[in-house]
Amino acid sequence: MKKRHMYTALALSLIAGRSGAQELHKCASDEMHAHYTKANPKVTEAENELNKSIEAFLAAKMPMAGIAARTTADGGHHDTDYYDIPVVVHVIHAYGAENVKDSNIYAMIASMNKFYNKQNDLSGIIAPFRPYIGNAKIRFHLATIDPDGRPTTGITRRLSYLTNGGDDQAKMDLWSPRNYYNIWIENKIGMTPAAGTTLAYSTFPSSAEAFPYTDGVITGYSYINDGNTMEHETGHFFNLMHTWATSGAGVGASCGDDLVDDTPPTKGHFSTCNLWDTACATNYYKLYPSISGTLDSLVNYPDTTNTQNVMDYSSCPHNMLSIGQVWRMRATLNSTIGGRNNLWDTANLRMTGALAPRPDLPPITDYISRVAASTAIAKFTFPGVPLFFANKSWRDTIVSSTWSYTNSANTPMVSQTSIAAYNTAFPVSFADPGWVTLTMAVTGNNSGTTTTAYNKAVFVADQEGINPLATPYVEEFDATGKRDKWPFFNYYNNEFRWEQANVGMYDNSCMMYRGYDSRTAPANFTGTPQGDYDDLFSTVYDLSAYTPGKCNLFFNYAGASRSALTTEINDSLYIDYSVNKTHSWVPLAAMGKAELCNRGAIATEFVPTSASDWATKSIAIPEAARKSYVVFRFRYKPGVNTTTLRSTGNNFYLDRVSVSPWAVEVNDVAMGNVAVRIQPNPAHGDAWVVVKDAFATTASVTVTDIAGRVVYRTTEALSGNGARIKIPTETIATPGVYLVQTISGSQVNTQKLVVQ
C-alpha cells in the first residue's frame, strides 16, 4: 500500500465505529469506544474537537520531516519535558487471586514507567525501526493524597461480586478523572467473545467527555504484570489507536492505519511475531511541505510493518512506541478533551501528592469468613460448627495479628495468629448462640497496629428449635417477637439489602428487601445489582412432630417492580432449608416475576399502605425438612434490565412467617361487587376481616364456633369503600375452626377461620 502526497496529517479524525466484528482480540477499547459513540453524539463532537487541537499542536511542534521536536518560545512542552501523571488503582475483588498485593501494583507502575521512558529492553527491535523508537517521557505516580485530602497509597479495595466480568459496572470508587488516572483491577473482563479473550480495555479521551464515570483502564488481574497489557491500554488512554484501526475490521483482516506516520499500514497481528510483514507497507513513504509550502521533504519509511509496536497484538517479546505516537500522546496531553491536560498540571500534582514520597500508613484490617472448602462468604453458623477465617488485611506488610471473639453470652474466645496464617484459613467454632463481635488487631512491619471491631460479624443459631405445634408461633418482626433470632446479611455492603421496616400487614413491623435504587448519577451507573444476593435466616424450628401433608410454611408478602415489561422483571426469592446443623442448603421454593411482584409496576419507591397490598404464600414442607432441627433461608437476588444493567426491581416486604399443619385457606372471595379477605388465616391472636364494597356503607361480621355458638358480632362503617374489621384474640382464644359470616348490603359470605 502506498501513501503519496499526504500533508502533515498525523492528526486526522478518528473513524467513528472503526472497530468491526472482531473475532479475536485482547483489548476491547475499540468496541467500547464504538458503544460510547453510538450511545451519545457528544463523543463524536469531542473527537472532532480533539483532532483539531492535535493537528494544531503538531503543526506548531513538528518540523518538516515530522520526526524530531523543535524548540519553541510559546511556553509549551518540548521534547525534553516530562509529564507526571497521578494514578489511583482500584482493586475490585471477592477475596480471590484478583485481590492482588500492593507489591504487584507497585511492580505494574514500575513497568509502565520503564516503558514510557524508553528504559525497557529494546535490543530486539529490528533495524528499520530503531531510528523511530520514541521516548514518551511520561512518569506515573501513585497518588499520596486522596480526593478528600487524606493521605493514601493510591490504592483502594472494594469487595464486590462484580469482579467477575462487571467491567464498566465494576468501576466503583472513581476518583475525579481530571485529577487522577483511574485503573481498575477485576478478576476477569466479561467481554469475552467466543473465539478469544479480552484482557483489558480503556476509554479514549473523547469517550471520557460523555461518560466521565467510566474514564480509565480496567483489566483482569492476570495481566497487570505481563509487561504489555497496561502499557497498551495506557496508550489508548492517551489517544493511541490500534496500528490497523482505520481498516474498520478486526485484527488481521485488512490493511489499516493508526493516523501516525512512522507506523506503516498493517493488518495487525494476533499472537504471532511476523517481523517482516510487507503486505501493507511496500514502498511506503510520505511527502511533507517545506517551510515555503512546497512538497519537497520526503521521508522513506520502512517497507515493513511495525509488528513490535505496543499497539499491535503481536506476541513479539520487545515492544516499542514510535516517535509519531509520542507526539500524538503529547498533543492529547495538551488538549482539554477528557481532561488529560489537567492531570500533569502543577497545581493538580500538588493536590494529589503525586510527586511526594509514599506515606508510611498503618495497615487496614480485613478478613473473610466462610464454610470449609467454600469460596462464598459465610456469616451464619451453628453451635459447635466452625467457620473458617482468613486474614485479608492490607496496606502494609503484616507482621502479626490478634483475633478475639465475643458472643452475646459474653463468653470470650481468643485465637492468636502470626504472619504464617496470613491468607490461610483457620477454624473457629462457638458454643453459645447469638451475635459474635470480632476484634482484629493487625500490626504492620513499620507503621504500628490497627485495631478494628466488627459488630455482628457472625450469628450462631440456637441449640434447639421451636415446635409450633406445642407453642404457636407467628413471626411479626416486632419487638415482642423473636426477630433477634432472624439474622440477615448484606455480604457486599451495598445499597441492595434486607432490613427491618416500619410497615407491616397489621402493624408497623416487617422485613424489607430494599430493591429500589435511590442512588443518583453517576453512582447509579456503576454497581449494578446483577449477581448480588442477600440472605435472611429464620430461627430454628423443630418440625419432627408434624405428619405428612400437614406441615406448611406460610408468610405474607408485598412486592413490586419498577418496570412493566415481563422481560425486565428479574428479581427472585429463593427459599432453602438446612437440617441437623449443617451448612448444606436444600431448595424448597422460588418466587419470581408476577408472583413476587404482586403489586405490579410502580415507578416510585413502593411502600404497602393497606392489607390489600399483601398476598399470602403457602409452601408444603417435605419430609426431609421435618426434622428436630431445621432453619429456613430466604435468599433475595435482585435483577436488572439486561441491556442497561440498571435495577428494575422495587422493594419487597415479608411479614407474618409461620409453620402450620393447615393448608392455605381462601383469602380472597369475590361476591358481586364485594371483596372479602380474612387475614391471617390460620391465625394465632387477632384476626381481621378486610371488606371492600363500592356501594354499601356498612358491613356486619358474625363469628361462630364449630358448635354454632356466636362468639363475636360487630357492625362497622365502610370508610372509603372499605374497612378492616378486627376479631379480637379473646373471642377466638380456643384453637379450632370458626365460621365467619360477612354481610355487606345484600351480599352474604361465609368463610372458615382456623385458629392455632
Foldseek 3Di string as FASTA:
>chain_A
DEDEADEPFLQDFADALLEDDAQADAECASVVLNVLCVVDVLLVVLRVVLSVLLSVLQVVFAAQQRQATDDDDPPADTLPDAFEFEAAEEQEEQLDPSLDAPVLVVLLLVLLQCALQVNDDPVPQDDLCPSFFGRLRYHYFHFQAAPVRHGDLRYHYAYDPCLQAVQLQSLPPDGQLLLHAYEYEGQAHNPAHPNYGYFKYAHALSSCVVVVSSHHIYGYSVPSNPSADVNQRVLRNLPWAQQARNVSYYAPPDWHGGSFQQFFIDSFDAAAQPSFAQPRQAQYKYFYAHPVGHGDDIDRHDSGGSNQDSSGNYPDPHHGDTSRSSSSSSSSCCDPRSSSVSRRDPVSCVSRVRVPDRDQAWKDWDKAKAAPPDSDGAFEFAAPRWIWMATPIHPAAWAFKWKWKAFPVRDIDTDTDGSVRHRPIDIDGHHAFGFMKMWMWTGHPPHGIDIDIDTRRHGYAHPFAAECVVPPAWFFQDPPHVVSRKDKDQPRPDDFTKDWALCGLPGGTFIKGAQDDPDDPPNQLHDQLAPGKMKIKDHKHQQQPADPLQKKKKWKKAFEWQDQDQVFFPKKKWKWKDPDRDPDTHTFDMDTGCRQHVVYHDNDADDDDHNVRMDMDMGRDDPVQNHRTMMMMIMIRFTGDPVSSGGGTHMMTIGTIGMGRDDQWDAWDDDPQKIWGWPPAQDEFKIKIKIAHPPFFKKKKWKAAPVGHTLDIDMDTADPRIDIHMDGCVSVVDFDKMWMWMDTPNDIDITIGGYD
